[in-house]
Every structure is written in C-alpha cells, then in structure tokens.
Amino acid sequence: MSPRKSVVEARQTRQRIIDRGLAIASVDGLEGLTIGRLATEMEMSKAGVLGHFGTKESIQLAVVDAAAEMFAQEVPQRVRDVPPGLPHLRAVCEAWVSYLERNILPGGCFFTAAAAEFDGRGGPVRDAIAGMEALWQRDLRIHIRRAVSLGDLPPDTDPDQLVYELWAVMLALNHFLQLNHDRSAPDRARRALHRLLGT
C-alpha cells in the first residue's frame, strides 16, 4: 500500500468515526460518546479509534466542529444568494426551521442538546459549544443591523432583543419536535417568526 493511499484511508476512517459520533451524540449527548461504543459500532478496536484522536475530548471537539459545519451547510450557506437585509434574515430563519423540521440528525438540534448538557461545566468542549453559538448569534445581529440600515426594520430595533426572541422560537421548535413529537411545531414557529419579522 502506498503512503498516499494509507493517508487517504486514514482520513476516511477518521471522518467515518466523526460522522458516527455526531449521530450518537445528537441522541445520547457528547458524554454518551464513548470510545468503547464507537469501537463497537465501527467494528474497530478501542486502540484503533483512539489512534485517530488520542482522547475522548478530542473526539468530542471533532464532533462539535462537524455539527457546526453541517449547520453552516444547511442554514446560512443555503441562503447565501438571497439579497441582504430583511429578505436575507427571513430566509435564514426559514432555513433554520427547515433544518430542524427535516430531522437531519436523529436527535434534533445538536447544539441545543449539547448546550443543555455542558452549560454548567467548564472546559474546552463547553467553550467550543459556546463559541459556535456566539458566532451564529453574531451573524444574526449582522443581518438584523443590515435590515435596519436598509430601512427594512424600524431604526429603534434592538438587535440583541431580536436575536434573543429568534433563538427562543428555535429552542421551542426543537423542544416541541423532539420531546412532544408535535408535527405542527414548524408551522407554529413560522407564525412566531411572522410576528417578529413580518411576511
């Protein structure tokens, strides 16, 4: 086997471990992501799994990165061609609802679950989750400020308050979908967004 082929196969195996880890963590949390479980489900040895990451924490951090990449592809990147201002903000919010509605991960919104799991802890995993959420909130504020500057939203709009309310809608949507299996929740979320952002 050539060294190049060996490197490619190692990358592919690492990515398969991350993908499986993301699916597990979305349902059972990042603490449910054990070396033993990954090894069993991947039909690998524990040493083989650890050989790609070194520690459980490294696997958890890789899964957080993968979840952020998936969210970016499914939400902001889907609407990158929508004009700035309120049209873009509305499109972002619709993509966010669609992301949750389509159950892309078996356990719903990864970051909602991970934030609840790690919000009272310290350490690199908690910091990574908080950092990803802070970046997304920053992006929402940017869209809101653009909408204000273009005259799409009133000049006295409080970006922090609007981010808070948009976030609350999405948390409720995930909760009603996952815990209550309420298939009407996406329509309720859209009605709530309509009240916040208009048609």
N, C-alpha and C. Protein backbone atom coordinates (compact mmCIF):
# COMPACT_ATOMS: atom_id res chain seq x y z
N MET A 1 0.84 -1.19 0.00
CA MET A 1 0.00 0.00 0.00
C MET A 1 0.88 1.24 0.00
N SER A 2 0.57 2.19 -0.87
CA SER A 2 1.37 3.41 -0.95
C SER A 2 1.08 4.30 0.25
N PRO A 3 2.07 5.13 0.64
CA PRO A 3 1.84 6.07 1.75
C PRO A 3 0.66 6.99 1.49
N ARG A 4 0.50 7.42 0.22
CA ARG A 4 -0.60 8.33 -0.10
C ARG A 4 -1.94 7.64 0.14
N LYS A 5 -2.07 6.39 -0.31
CA LYS A 5 -3.31 5.65 -0.11
C LYS A 5 -3.58 5.45 1.37
N SER A 6 -2.52 5.18 2.13
CA SER A 6 -2.66 4.99 3.56
C SER A 6 -3.19 6.25 4.24
N VAL A 7 -2.70 7.42 3.84
CA VAL A 7 -3.14 8.70 4.41
C VAL A 7 -4.61 8.94 4.06
N VAL A 8 -4.98 8.67 2.81
CA VAL A 8 -6.37 8.86 2.38
C VAL A 8 -7.31 7.96 3.17
N GLU A 9 -6.93 6.71 3.33
CA GLU A 9 -7.77 5.77 4.08
C GLU A 9 -7.89 6.19 5.54
N ALA A 10 -6.80 6.69 6.12
CA ALA A 10 -6.84 7.15 7.50
C ALA A 10 -7.79 8.33 7.65
N ARG A 11 -7.76 9.25 6.68
CA ARG A 11 -8.68 10.40 6.72
C ARG A 11 -10.13 9.94 6.59
N GLN A 12 -10.36 8.98 5.70
CA GLN A 12 -11.72 8.48 5.51
C GLN A 12 -12.24 7.78 6.76
N THR A 13 -11.37 7.00 7.40
CA THR A 13 -11.76 6.33 8.64
C THR A 13 -12.06 7.34 9.73
N ARG A 14 -11.21 8.35 9.84
CA ARG A 14 -11.43 9.41 10.84
C ARG A 14 -12.77 10.10 10.60
N GLN A 15 -13.07 10.37 9.33
CA GLN A 15 -14.34 11.04 9.02
C GLN A 15 -15.52 10.15 9.34
N ARG A 16 -15.41 8.85 9.07
CA ARG A 16 -16.50 7.93 9.41
C ARG A 16 -16.73 7.88 10.91
N ILE A 17 -15.66 7.92 11.68
CA ILE A 17 -15.78 7.93 13.15
C ILE A 17 -16.50 9.21 13.60
N ILE A 18 -16.12 10.34 13.02
CA ILE A 18 -16.76 11.61 13.37
C ILE A 18 -18.23 11.59 13.01
N ASP A 19 -18.55 11.10 11.81
CA ASP A 19 -19.95 11.05 11.37
C ASP A 19 -20.79 10.18 12.30
N ARG A 20 -20.24 9.03 12.66
CA ARG A 20 -20.97 8.14 13.58
C ARG A 20 -21.09 8.79 14.95
N GLY A 21 -20.02 9.45 15.38
CA GLY A 21 -20.04 10.13 16.67
C GLY A 21 -21.08 11.23 16.72
N LEU A 22 -21.25 11.94 15.62
CA LEU A 22 -22.24 13.01 15.56
C LEU A 22 -23.65 12.45 15.68
N ALA A 23 -23.92 11.35 15.01
CA ALA A 23 -25.24 10.73 15.10
C ALA A 23 -25.51 10.24 16.53
N ILE A 24 -24.52 9.62 17.15
CA ILE A 24 -24.67 9.15 18.53
C ILE A 24 -24.90 10.32 19.48
N ALA A 25 -24.06 11.35 19.37
CA ALA A 25 -24.12 12.49 20.28
C ALA A 25 -25.42 13.26 20.14
N SER A 26 -26.00 13.27 18.95
CA SER A 26 -27.25 14.01 18.77
C SER A 26 -28.39 13.39 19.57
N VAL A 27 -28.29 12.08 19.85
CA VAL A 27 -29.31 11.38 20.60
C VAL A 27 -28.93 11.22 22.07
N ASP A 28 -27.70 10.78 22.32
CA ASP A 28 -27.27 10.42 23.67
C ASP A 28 -26.35 11.43 24.32
N GLY A 29 -26.08 12.53 23.65
CA GLY A 29 -25.21 13.55 24.22
C GLY A 29 -23.74 13.24 23.99
N LEU A 30 -22.93 14.26 24.19
CA LEU A 30 -21.49 14.07 23.99
C LEU A 30 -20.88 13.14 25.03
N GLU A 31 -21.47 13.07 26.21
CA GLU A 31 -20.97 12.13 27.22
C GLU A 31 -21.32 10.69 26.85
N GLY A 32 -22.34 10.51 26.03
CA GLY A 32 -22.68 9.17 25.57
C GLY A 32 -21.76 8.67 24.46
N LEU A 33 -20.85 9.54 24.08
CA LEU A 33 -19.92 9.23 23.01
C LEU A 33 -18.66 8.61 23.61
N THR A 34 -18.69 7.32 23.86
CA THR A 34 -17.57 6.64 24.49
C THR A 34 -16.70 5.95 23.45
N ILE A 35 -15.45 5.76 23.81
CA ILE A 35 -14.51 5.06 22.92
C ILE A 35 -15.01 3.65 22.65
N GLY A 36 -15.48 2.98 23.70
CA GLY A 36 -15.97 1.61 23.55
C GLY A 36 -17.15 1.51 22.61
N ARG A 37 -18.09 2.44 22.74
CA ARG A 37 -19.26 2.40 21.87
C ARG A 37 -18.88 2.67 20.42
N LEU A 38 -18.03 3.67 20.21
CA LEU A 38 -17.59 3.95 18.85
C LEU A 38 -16.86 2.75 18.26
N ALA A 39 -15.99 2.14 19.05
CA ALA A 39 -15.24 0.99 18.55
C ALA A 39 -16.18 -0.14 18.16
N THR A 40 -17.18 -0.40 18.99
CA THR A 40 -18.14 -1.46 18.69
C THR A 40 -18.92 -1.16 17.43
N GLU A 41 -19.45 0.06 17.34
CA GLU A 41 -20.29 0.40 16.19
C GLU A 41 -19.50 0.52 14.90
N MET A 42 -18.21 0.87 15.02
CA MET A 42 -17.36 0.99 13.83
C MET A 42 -16.64 -0.31 13.51
N GLU A 43 -16.84 -1.33 14.38
CA GLU A 43 -16.15 -2.61 14.24
C GLU A 43 -14.65 -2.41 14.19
N MET A 44 -14.18 -1.63 15.18
CA MET A 44 -12.75 -1.34 15.34
C MET A 44 -12.36 -1.66 16.77
N SER A 45 -11.07 -1.68 17.00
CA SER A 45 -10.59 -1.80 18.38
C SER A 45 -10.63 -0.42 19.03
N LYS A 46 -10.64 -0.39 20.37
CA LYS A 46 -10.58 0.90 21.07
C LYS A 46 -9.29 1.63 20.71
N ALA A 47 -8.21 0.88 20.61
CA ALA A 47 -6.92 1.49 20.25
C ALA A 47 -6.99 2.10 18.85
N GLY A 48 -7.74 1.44 17.95
CA GLY A 48 -7.87 1.95 16.60
C GLY A 48 -8.61 3.28 16.57
N VAL A 49 -9.66 3.39 17.40
CA VAL A 49 -10.39 4.66 17.48
C VAL A 49 -9.50 5.73 18.10
N LEU A 50 -8.88 5.41 19.21
CA LEU A 50 -8.01 6.38 19.90
C LEU A 50 -6.84 6.79 19.04
N GLY A 51 -6.38 5.90 18.18
CA GLY A 51 -5.25 6.23 17.31
C GLY A 51 -5.53 7.40 16.39
N HIS A 52 -6.81 7.65 16.08
CA HIS A 52 -7.18 8.77 15.21
C HIS A 52 -7.38 10.07 15.98
N PHE A 53 -7.59 9.99 17.29
CA PHE A 53 -7.92 11.19 18.06
C PHE A 53 -7.08 11.38 19.31
N GLY A 54 -6.71 10.31 19.96
CA GLY A 54 -5.89 10.43 21.18
C GLY A 54 -6.70 10.41 22.46
N THR A 55 -7.78 11.20 22.53
CA THR A 55 -8.59 11.26 23.75
C THR A 55 -10.06 11.37 23.40
N LYS A 56 -10.91 11.06 24.38
CA LYS A 56 -12.35 11.22 24.20
C LYS A 56 -12.68 12.69 23.96
N GLU A 57 -12.01 13.59 24.67
CA GLU A 57 -12.27 15.01 24.49
C GLU A 57 -11.97 15.46 23.06
N SER A 58 -10.92 14.92 22.46
CA SER A 58 -10.60 15.26 21.07
C SER A 58 -11.70 14.81 20.12
N ILE A 59 -12.28 13.65 20.40
CA ILE A 59 -13.40 13.17 19.58
C ILE A 59 -14.59 14.11 19.76
N GLN A 60 -14.88 14.48 21.00
CA GLN A 60 -16.00 15.38 21.26
C GLN A 60 -15.82 16.71 20.52
N LEU A 61 -14.61 17.25 20.55
CA LEU A 61 -14.35 18.52 19.87
C LEU A 61 -14.49 18.37 18.36
N ALA A 62 -14.04 17.24 17.82
CA ALA A 62 -14.19 16.99 16.38
C ALA A 62 -15.67 16.90 16.00
N VAL A 63 -16.47 16.31 16.88
CA VAL A 63 -17.91 16.19 16.62
C VAL A 63 -18.58 17.56 16.68
N VAL A 64 -18.18 18.41 17.62
CA VAL A 64 -18.72 19.77 17.69
C VAL A 64 -18.40 20.52 16.39
N ASP A 65 -17.17 20.39 15.90
CA ASP A 65 -16.80 21.03 14.63
C ASP A 65 -17.64 20.50 13.47
N ALA A 66 -17.86 19.18 13.46
CA ALA A 66 -18.66 18.58 12.38
C ALA A 66 -20.10 19.07 12.44
N ALA A 67 -20.65 19.20 13.64
CA ALA A 67 -22.02 19.70 13.80
C ALA A 67 -22.12 21.13 13.30
N ALA A 68 -21.11 21.94 13.59
CA ALA A 68 -21.11 23.33 13.14
C ALA A 68 -21.03 23.41 11.62
N GLU A 69 -20.22 22.53 11.02
CA GLU A 69 -20.11 22.51 9.56
C GLU A 69 -21.43 22.09 8.91
N MET A 70 -22.08 21.10 9.51
CA MET A 70 -23.37 20.65 8.98
C MET A 70 -24.40 21.78 9.07
N PHE A 71 -24.45 22.47 10.21
CA PHE A 71 -25.39 23.56 10.38
C PHE A 71 -25.11 24.66 9.35
N ALA A 72 -23.84 24.98 9.16
CA ALA A 72 -23.48 26.03 8.20
C ALA A 72 -23.95 25.67 6.79
N GLN A 73 -23.79 24.41 6.41
CA GLN A 73 -24.23 23.98 5.07
C GLN A 73 -25.75 24.02 4.94
N GLU A 74 -26.44 23.67 6.00
CA GLU A 74 -27.90 23.56 5.94
C GLU A 74 -28.63 24.87 6.15
N VAL A 75 -27.98 25.84 6.80
CA VAL A 75 -28.70 27.09 7.09
C VAL A 75 -28.06 28.28 6.36
N PRO A 76 -26.97 28.88 6.84
CA PRO A 76 -26.50 30.11 6.17
C PRO A 76 -26.06 29.90 4.72
N GLN A 77 -25.41 28.76 4.42
CA GLN A 77 -24.94 28.58 3.05
C GLN A 77 -26.09 28.34 2.06
N ARG A 78 -27.20 27.84 2.53
CA ARG A 78 -28.36 27.61 1.65
C ARG A 78 -28.96 28.90 1.14
N VAL A 79 -28.75 29.99 1.89
CA VAL A 79 -29.42 31.26 1.52
C VAL A 79 -28.40 32.35 1.20
N ARG A 80 -27.17 31.96 0.90
CA ARG A 80 -26.12 32.96 0.70
C ARG A 80 -26.40 33.89 -0.48
N ASP A 81 -27.23 33.47 -1.43
CA ASP A 81 -27.51 34.32 -2.59
C ASP A 81 -28.73 35.22 -2.41
N VAL A 82 -29.40 35.11 -1.26
CA VAL A 82 -30.56 35.97 -1.01
C VAL A 82 -30.07 37.38 -0.70
N PRO A 83 -30.71 38.40 -1.25
CA PRO A 83 -30.26 39.78 -1.03
C PRO A 83 -30.20 40.13 0.46
N PRO A 84 -29.32 41.07 0.83
CA PRO A 84 -29.15 41.43 2.24
C PRO A 84 -30.38 42.15 2.79
N GLY A 85 -30.38 42.30 4.09
CA GLY A 85 -31.48 42.98 4.76
C GLY A 85 -32.52 41.99 5.25
N LEU A 86 -33.76 42.44 5.34
CA LEU A 86 -34.83 41.59 5.86
C LEU A 86 -35.07 40.34 5.01
N PRO A 87 -34.99 40.41 3.68
CA PRO A 87 -35.15 39.17 2.90
C PRO A 87 -34.15 38.09 3.32
N HIS A 88 -32.91 38.50 3.56
CA HIS A 88 -31.90 37.52 3.96
C HIS A 88 -32.18 36.98 5.36
N LEU A 89 -32.55 37.86 6.28
CA LEU A 89 -32.85 37.43 7.65
C LEU A 89 -34.02 36.45 7.65
N ARG A 90 -35.06 36.76 6.88
CA ARG A 90 -36.20 35.85 6.80
C ARG A 90 -35.79 34.49 6.21
N ALA A 91 -34.98 34.54 5.16
CA ALA A 91 -34.53 33.30 4.51
C ALA A 91 -33.68 32.46 5.45
N VAL A 92 -32.83 33.11 6.22
CA VAL A 92 -32.01 32.40 7.21
C VAL A 92 -32.91 31.70 8.22
N CYS A 93 -33.91 32.42 8.71
CA CYS A 93 -34.81 31.83 9.72
C CYS A 93 -35.62 30.68 9.13
N GLU A 94 -36.07 30.81 7.88
CA GLU A 94 -36.79 29.71 7.24
C GLU A 94 -35.88 28.50 7.05
N ALA A 95 -34.63 28.73 6.67
CA ALA A 95 -33.68 27.61 6.52
C ALA A 95 -33.44 26.93 7.86
N TRP A 96 -33.41 27.72 8.92
CA TRP A 96 -33.21 27.18 10.27
C TRP A 96 -34.40 26.31 10.68
N VAL A 97 -35.62 26.79 10.42
CA VAL A 97 -36.81 25.99 10.71
C VAL A 97 -36.77 24.70 9.89
N SER A 98 -36.44 24.81 8.62
CA SER A 98 -36.39 23.64 7.74
C SER A 98 -35.36 22.63 8.22
N TYR A 99 -34.22 23.13 8.68
CA TYR A 99 -33.16 22.25 9.20
C TYR A 99 -33.69 21.40 10.35
N LEU A 100 -34.43 22.02 11.26
CA LEU A 100 -34.97 21.27 12.40
C LEU A 100 -36.13 20.38 11.96
N GLU A 101 -36.94 20.88 11.06
CA GLU A 101 -38.12 20.15 10.60
C GLU A 101 -37.74 18.86 9.87
N ARG A 102 -36.63 18.88 9.16
CA ARG A 102 -36.24 17.73 8.33
C ARG A 102 -35.51 16.65 9.12
N ASN A 103 -35.26 16.86 10.41
CA ASN A 103 -34.61 15.83 11.25
C ASN A 103 -33.32 15.32 10.62
N ILE A 104 -32.44 16.22 10.29
CA ILE A 104 -31.19 15.83 9.65
C ILE A 104 -30.35 14.97 10.58
N LEU A 105 -30.41 15.28 11.87
CA LEU A 105 -29.78 14.43 12.88
C LEU A 105 -30.88 13.72 13.67
N PRO A 106 -30.65 12.48 14.06
CA PRO A 106 -31.73 11.72 14.72
C PRO A 106 -32.20 12.32 16.04
N GLY A 107 -31.35 13.11 16.70
CA GLY A 107 -31.74 13.69 17.97
C GLY A 107 -32.13 15.15 17.90
N GLY A 108 -32.34 15.66 16.70
CA GLY A 108 -32.72 17.06 16.57
C GLY A 108 -31.51 17.98 16.57
N CYS A 109 -31.69 19.19 17.08
CA CYS A 109 -30.62 20.18 17.05
C CYS A 109 -29.48 19.77 17.97
N PHE A 110 -28.33 19.52 17.38
CA PHE A 110 -27.17 19.10 18.16
C PHE A 110 -26.80 20.15 19.20
N PHE A 111 -26.77 21.41 18.81
CA PHE A 111 -26.28 22.45 19.72
C PHE A 111 -27.25 22.73 20.86
N THR A 112 -28.54 22.55 20.63
CA THR A 112 -29.50 22.71 21.72
C THR A 112 -29.23 21.66 22.80
N ALA A 113 -29.06 20.42 22.36
CA ALA A 113 -28.80 19.34 23.32
C ALA A 113 -27.43 19.50 23.98
N ALA A 114 -26.42 19.84 23.19
CA ALA A 114 -25.07 19.97 23.74
C ALA A 114 -24.97 21.14 24.71
N ALA A 115 -25.66 22.24 24.41
CA ALA A 115 -25.64 23.39 25.31
C ALA A 115 -26.27 23.04 26.65
N ALA A 116 -27.38 22.30 26.62
CA ALA A 116 -28.02 21.89 27.87
C ALA A 116 -27.12 20.93 28.66
N GLU A 117 -26.39 20.11 27.94
CA GLU A 117 -25.51 19.12 28.58
C GLU A 117 -24.28 19.78 29.23
N PHE A 118 -23.77 20.83 28.60
CA PHE A 118 -22.49 21.40 29.04
C PHE A 118 -22.59 22.81 29.61
N ASP A 119 -23.79 23.39 29.68
CA ASP A 119 -23.86 24.80 30.08
C ASP A 119 -23.36 25.08 31.49
N GLY A 120 -23.43 24.11 32.38
CA GLY A 120 -22.96 24.32 33.75
C GLY A 120 -21.55 23.84 34.00
N ARG A 121 -20.85 23.45 32.96
CA ARG A 121 -19.50 22.90 33.11
C ARG A 121 -18.46 23.88 32.59
N GLY A 122 -17.23 23.55 32.85
CA GLY A 122 -16.13 24.29 32.26
C GLY A 122 -15.38 23.38 31.29
N GLY A 123 -14.36 23.91 30.65
CA GLY A 123 -13.51 23.08 29.81
C GLY A 123 -13.64 23.37 28.33
N PRO A 124 -12.77 22.75 27.54
CA PRO A 124 -12.70 23.03 26.10
C PRO A 124 -13.96 22.68 25.32
N VAL A 125 -14.66 21.61 25.70
CA VAL A 125 -15.86 21.24 24.96
C VAL A 125 -16.96 22.27 25.18
N ARG A 126 -17.15 22.66 26.43
CA ARG A 126 -18.13 23.70 26.73
C ARG A 126 -17.78 25.00 26.01
N ASP A 127 -16.49 25.35 26.00
CA ASP A 127 -16.06 26.58 25.34
C ASP A 127 -16.29 26.52 23.83
N ALA A 128 -16.09 25.34 23.24
CA ALA A 128 -16.32 25.18 21.80
C ALA A 128 -17.80 25.35 21.46
N ILE A 129 -18.67 24.75 22.27
CA ILE A 129 -20.12 24.88 22.04
C ILE A 129 -20.55 26.34 22.18
N ALA A 130 -20.10 26.97 23.25
CA ALA A 130 -20.45 28.38 23.48
C ALA A 130 -19.91 29.27 22.36
N GLY A 131 -18.70 28.96 21.90
CA GLY A 131 -18.10 29.75 20.83
C GLY A 131 -18.87 29.64 19.52
N MET A 132 -19.32 28.43 19.19
CA MET A 132 -20.10 28.25 17.96
C MET A 132 -21.42 29.00 18.05
N GLU A 133 -22.08 28.93 19.20
CA GLU A 133 -23.35 29.64 19.35
C GLU A 133 -23.13 31.15 19.30
N ALA A 134 -22.03 31.62 19.88
CA ALA A 134 -21.73 33.06 19.85
C ALA A 134 -21.51 33.54 18.41
N LEU A 135 -20.85 32.73 17.60
CA LEU A 135 -20.64 33.11 16.19
C LEU A 135 -21.97 33.21 15.44
N TRP A 136 -22.87 32.27 15.69
CA TRP A 136 -24.15 32.30 15.00
C TRP A 136 -24.98 33.49 15.45
N GLN A 137 -24.95 33.78 16.75
CA GLN A 137 -25.67 34.96 17.25
C GLN A 137 -25.08 36.24 16.66
N ARG A 138 -23.77 36.29 16.51
CA ARG A 138 -23.14 37.45 15.88
C ARG A 138 -23.62 37.62 14.45
N ASP A 139 -23.69 36.52 13.71
CA ASP A 139 -24.16 36.59 12.33
C ASP A 139 -25.60 37.09 12.26
N LEU A 140 -26.45 36.63 13.16
CA LEU A 140 -27.83 37.10 13.19
C LEU A 140 -27.89 38.60 13.46
N ARG A 141 -27.06 39.07 14.39
CA ARG A 141 -27.03 40.51 14.68
C ARG A 141 -26.61 41.31 13.44
N ILE A 142 -25.65 40.77 12.69
CA ILE A 142 -25.21 41.44 11.46
C ILE A 142 -26.37 41.56 10.48
N HIS A 143 -27.13 40.48 10.30
CA HIS A 143 -28.28 40.51 9.39
C HIS A 143 -29.33 41.52 9.87
N ILE A 144 -29.55 41.56 11.17
CA ILE A 144 -30.54 42.49 11.73
C ILE A 144 -30.08 43.93 11.52
N ARG A 145 -28.82 44.21 11.79
CA ARG A 145 -28.32 45.59 11.62
C ARG A 145 -28.39 46.01 10.15
N ARG A 146 -28.11 45.07 9.24
CA ARG A 146 -28.25 45.40 7.81
C ARG A 146 -29.69 45.73 7.47
N ALA A 147 -30.62 44.95 8.02
CA ALA A 147 -32.04 45.20 7.76
C ALA A 147 -32.44 46.57 8.29
N VAL A 148 -31.90 46.97 9.43
CA VAL A 148 -32.18 48.29 9.99
C VAL A 148 -31.59 49.37 9.09
N SER A 149 -30.34 49.18 8.69
CA SER A 149 -29.67 50.20 7.87
C SER A 149 -30.34 50.38 6.51
N LEU A 150 -30.96 49.31 6.00
CA LEU A 150 -31.66 49.39 4.71
C LEU A 150 -33.10 49.88 4.85
N GLY A 151 -33.52 50.13 6.08
CA GLY A 151 -34.88 50.59 6.31
C GLY A 151 -35.92 49.49 6.34
N ASP A 152 -35.47 48.22 6.36
CA ASP A 152 -36.40 47.09 6.39
C ASP A 152 -36.98 46.86 7.78
N LEU A 153 -36.23 47.24 8.80
CA LEU A 153 -36.68 47.14 10.19
C LEU A 153 -36.64 48.53 10.80
N PRO A 154 -37.48 48.80 11.80
CA PRO A 154 -37.50 50.13 12.42
C PRO A 154 -36.12 50.51 12.98
N PRO A 155 -35.79 51.80 12.97
CA PRO A 155 -34.48 52.24 13.44
C PRO A 155 -34.23 51.97 14.92
N ASP A 156 -35.31 51.81 15.70
CA ASP A 156 -35.12 51.54 17.13
C ASP A 156 -35.08 50.04 17.45
N THR A 157 -34.97 49.20 16.42
CA THR A 157 -34.87 47.75 16.65
C THR A 157 -33.65 47.44 17.51
N ASP A 158 -33.85 46.65 18.54
CA ASP A 158 -32.76 46.21 19.42
C ASP A 158 -32.25 44.86 18.91
N PRO A 159 -31.08 44.82 18.27
CA PRO A 159 -30.59 43.55 17.71
C PRO A 159 -30.45 42.44 18.75
N ASP A 160 -29.98 42.79 19.94
CA ASP A 160 -29.82 41.76 20.98
C ASP A 160 -31.17 41.16 21.38
N GLN A 161 -32.18 42.01 21.50
CA GLN A 161 -33.51 41.51 21.87
C GLN A 161 -34.09 40.64 20.76
N LEU A 162 -33.91 41.05 19.51
CA LEU A 162 -34.46 40.27 18.41
C LEU A 162 -33.74 38.93 18.29
N VAL A 163 -32.41 38.90 18.47
CA VAL A 163 -31.69 37.63 18.47
C VAL A 163 -32.24 36.72 19.57
N TYR A 164 -32.45 37.29 20.75
CA TYR A 164 -32.99 36.52 21.88
C TYR A 164 -34.34 35.89 21.51
N GLU A 165 -35.21 36.66 20.87
CA GLU A 165 -36.54 36.16 20.54
C GLU A 165 -36.49 35.13 19.40
N LEU A 166 -35.63 35.35 18.42
CA LEU A 166 -35.46 34.35 17.36
C LEU A 166 -34.93 33.04 17.93
N TRP A 167 -33.96 33.16 18.83
CA TRP A 167 -33.38 31.98 19.47
C TRP A 167 -34.44 31.23 20.26
N ALA A 168 -35.30 31.98 20.96
CA ALA A 168 -36.35 31.35 21.76
C ALA A 168 -37.31 30.55 20.88
N VAL A 169 -37.65 31.10 19.72
CA VAL A 169 -38.53 30.39 18.79
C VAL A 169 -37.90 29.06 18.37
N MET A 170 -36.61 29.08 18.06
CA MET A 170 -35.96 27.86 17.58
C MET A 170 -35.78 26.83 18.70
N LEU A 171 -35.51 27.30 19.91
CA LEU A 171 -35.43 26.37 21.04
C LEU A 171 -36.78 25.70 21.27
N ALA A 172 -37.85 26.50 21.21
CA ALA A 172 -39.19 25.93 21.38
C ALA A 172 -39.51 24.95 20.27
N LEU A 173 -39.15 25.29 19.05
CA LEU A 173 -39.39 24.39 17.92
C LEU A 173 -38.72 23.04 18.14
N ASN A 174 -37.44 23.07 18.50
CA ASN A 174 -36.72 21.82 18.73
C ASN A 174 -37.36 21.02 19.86
N HIS A 175 -37.74 21.71 20.93
CA HIS A 175 -38.36 21.05 22.09
C HIS A 175 -39.66 20.35 21.68
N PHE A 176 -40.53 21.08 20.99
CA PHE A 176 -41.83 20.50 20.63
C PHE A 176 -41.68 19.38 19.61
N LEU A 177 -40.69 19.48 18.72
CA LEU A 177 -40.46 18.40 17.77
C LEU A 177 -39.90 17.16 18.45
N GLN A 178 -38.90 17.35 19.30
CA GLN A 178 -38.20 16.21 19.87
C GLN A 178 -38.92 15.58 21.06
N LEU A 179 -39.35 16.41 22.00
CA LEU A 179 -39.96 15.86 23.21
C LEU A 179 -41.43 15.51 23.00
N ASN A 180 -42.15 16.36 22.29
CA ASN A 180 -43.59 16.17 22.13
C ASN A 180 -43.98 15.52 20.81
N HIS A 181 -43.03 15.40 19.89
CA HIS A 181 -43.32 14.86 18.55
C HIS A 181 -44.48 15.60 17.91
N ASP A 182 -44.48 16.91 18.08
CA ASP A 182 -45.55 17.78 17.58
C ASP A 182 -45.21 18.22 16.16
N ARG A 183 -45.86 17.60 15.18
CA ARG A 183 -45.55 17.91 13.79
C ARG A 183 -46.11 19.28 13.35
N SER A 184 -46.93 19.88 14.20
CA SER A 184 -47.42 21.23 13.88
C SER A 184 -46.44 22.30 14.34
N ALA A 185 -45.39 21.90 15.06
CA ALA A 185 -44.45 22.87 15.63
C ALA A 185 -43.78 23.76 14.58
N PRO A 186 -43.34 23.22 13.43
CA PRO A 186 -42.73 24.12 12.43
C PRO A 186 -43.67 25.23 11.97
N ASP A 187 -44.96 24.91 11.80
CA ASP A 187 -45.90 25.95 11.38
C ASP A 187 -46.07 26.98 12.49
N ARG A 188 -46.08 26.53 13.73
CA ARG A 188 -46.16 27.47 14.85
C ARG A 188 -44.93 28.37 14.89
N ALA A 189 -43.77 27.77 14.63
CA ALA A 189 -42.53 28.57 14.60
C ALA A 189 -42.60 29.61 13.49
N ARG A 190 -43.10 29.21 12.34
CA ARG A 190 -43.20 30.16 11.22
C ARG A 190 -44.16 31.31 11.56
N ARG A 191 -45.25 30.99 12.28
CA ARG A 191 -46.18 32.06 12.67
C ARG A 191 -45.50 33.01 13.66
N ALA A 192 -44.72 32.46 14.57
CA ALA A 192 -43.99 33.30 15.52
C ALA A 192 -42.98 34.19 14.79
N LEU A 193 -42.30 33.63 13.80
CA LEU A 193 -41.34 34.42 13.01
C LEU A 193 -42.06 35.50 12.22
N HIS A 194 -43.25 35.19 11.74
CA HIS A 194 -44.02 36.19 11.01
C HIS A 194 -44.33 37.39 11.91
N ARG A 195 -44.67 37.12 13.17
CA ARG A 195 -44.94 38.22 14.09
C ARG A 195 -43.69 39.05 14.37
N LEU A 196 -42.52 38.39 14.37
CA LEU A 196 -41.28 39.11 14.65
C LEU A 196 -40.74 39.85 13.43
N LEU A 197 -40.90 39.24 12.24
CA LEU A 197 -40.23 39.77 11.05
C LEU A 197 -41.18 40.20 9.94
N GLY A 198 -42.46 39.95 10.10
CA GLY A 198 -43.41 40.26 9.04
C GLY A 198 -43.42 39.18 7.96
N THR A 199 -44.22 39.38 6.91
CA THR A 199 -44.34 38.35 5.87
C THR A 199 -43.07 38.32 5.04
